[in-house]
Amino acid sequence: MQGAVTRDGVVYCNDRQVQIAELPEAIQASMRPSTERKIYVTADTRAKYRDVKVVVEKIRLTGITRICFLAEKGDPARFHHGSIGDAVVSKT
């Protein structure tokens, strides 16, 4: 499961753009019983801290506590396309 926050605060759940208020429901709809309760979040380095903080708070509302932040090399526009090829993982 992946989430993303762009520099202008646009939020994605997997490859689907969602409103922040809809994020918990989008995450729950994407979860299957066998799905590991972990999410990888990419955030544009120019994203506002408060936007990323709200995303983390919404993720925690779903019961997911294993949140891994990804930092990608290269074009940040790729963040919401699900690629974790050159990612660096930071766990919370």
Protein backbone atom coordinates (compact mmCIF):
# COMPACT_ATOMS: atom_id res chain seq x y z
CA MET A 1 0.00 0.00 0.00
CA GLN A 2 1.32 3.41 -0.93
CA GLY A 3 0.39 7.01 -0.30
CA ALA A 4 1.83 10.25 -1.58
CA VAL A 5 1.74 13.98 -0.92
CA THR A 6 2.72 16.36 -3.69
CA ARG A 7 4.27 19.80 -3.25
CA ASP A 8 0.86 21.44 -3.59
CA GLY A 9 -0.78 19.14 -1.03
CA VAL A 10 -2.48 16.73 -3.43
CA VAL A 11 -2.91 13.31 -1.78
CA TYR A 12 -2.82 9.90 -3.44
CA CYS A 13 -3.79 6.47 -2.18
CA ASN A 14 -1.96 4.01 -4.38
CA ASP A 15 -2.34 5.65 -7.81
CA ARG A 16 -5.70 7.31 -7.11
CA GLN A 17 -5.98 10.97 -6.15
CA VAL A 18 -8.20 11.42 -3.07
CA GLN A 19 -9.39 14.25 -0.89
CA ILE A 20 -7.73 14.23 2.52
CA ALA A 21 -11.08 13.59 4.23
CA GLU A 22 -11.54 10.47 2.07
CA LEU A 23 -8.09 9.02 2.77
CA PRO A 24 -9.05 6.67 5.65
CA GLU A 25 -11.90 5.18 3.61
CA ALA A 26 -9.68 4.82 0.53
CA ILE A 27 -7.05 3.02 2.59
CA GLN A 28 -9.62 0.71 4.19
CA ALA A 29 -11.10 -0.08 0.74
CA SER A 30 -7.62 -1.00 -0.53
CA MET A 31 -6.82 -3.28 2.39
CA ARG A 32 -7.42 -7.01 2.15
CA PRO A 33 -7.37 -9.35 5.15
CA SER A 34 -3.97 -10.69 4.06
CA THR A 35 -2.51 -7.22 3.45
CA GLU A 36 0.32 -6.24 5.74
CA ARG A 37 -0.75 -3.30 7.89
CA LYS A 38 2.01 -1.06 6.62
CA ILE A 39 1.97 1.90 4.26
CA TYR A 40 4.75 3.53 2.28
CA VAL A 41 4.42 7.31 1.98
CA THR A 42 6.30 9.49 -0.46
CA ALA A 43 6.27 13.22 0.08
CA ASP A 44 7.65 15.82 -2.25
CA THR A 45 10.51 17.60 -0.49
CA ARG A 46 8.65 20.86 -1.15
CA ALA A 47 5.41 19.63 0.47
CA LYS A 48 4.31 21.55 3.52
CA TYR A 49 4.95 19.81 6.82
CA ARG A 50 1.34 20.33 7.92
CA ASP A 51 0.07 18.53 4.77
CA VAL A 52 2.25 15.51 5.49
CA LYS A 53 1.29 15.57 9.19
CA VAL A 54 -2.43 15.48 8.34
CA VAL A 55 -1.85 12.52 6.01
CA VAL A 56 -0.05 10.63 8.81
CA GLU A 57 -2.91 11.42 11.21
CA LYS A 58 -5.48 10.14 8.68
CA ILE A 59 -3.45 6.97 8.12
CA ARG A 60 -3.34 6.31 11.86
CA LEU A 61 -7.15 6.57 12.00
CA THR A 62 -7.22 3.33 10.01
CA GLY A 63 -5.22 1.49 12.67
CA ILE A 64 -2.05 1.38 10.61
CA THR A 65 0.92 2.28 12.77
CA ARG A 66 3.74 1.09 10.51
CA ILE A 67 4.33 4.08 8.25
CA CYS A 68 7.46 4.11 6.09
CA PHE A 69 8.58 7.30 4.38
CA LEU A 70 10.25 7.00 1.01
CA ALA A 71 12.67 9.49 -0.50
CA GLU A 72 13.27 9.07 -4.19
CA LYS A 73 16.14 10.17 -6.33
CA GLY A 74 15.17 12.08 -9.43
CA ASP A 75 11.91 13.67 -10.52
CA PRO A 76 9.45 14.03 -7.59
CA ALA A 77 6.57 13.94 -10.08
CA ARG A 78 7.07 10.14 -10.10
CA PHE A 79 6.12 9.89 -6.43
CA HIS A 80 2.49 8.95 -6.89
CA HIS A 81 3.09 6.35 -9.59
CA GLY A 82 3.91 3.52 -7.23
CA SER A 83 7.59 3.17 -8.08
CA ILE A 84 9.85 2.40 -5.14
CA GLY A 85 12.85 1.41 -7.24
CA ASP A 86 15.49 3.86 -5.97
CA ALA A 87 13.76 4.62 -2.71
CA VAL A 88 15.33 5.16 0.66
CA VAL A 89 13.09 3.93 3.48
CA SER A 90 12.65 5.68 6.80
CA LYS A 91 10.29 4.00 9.28
CA THR A 92 8.19 5.73 11.93
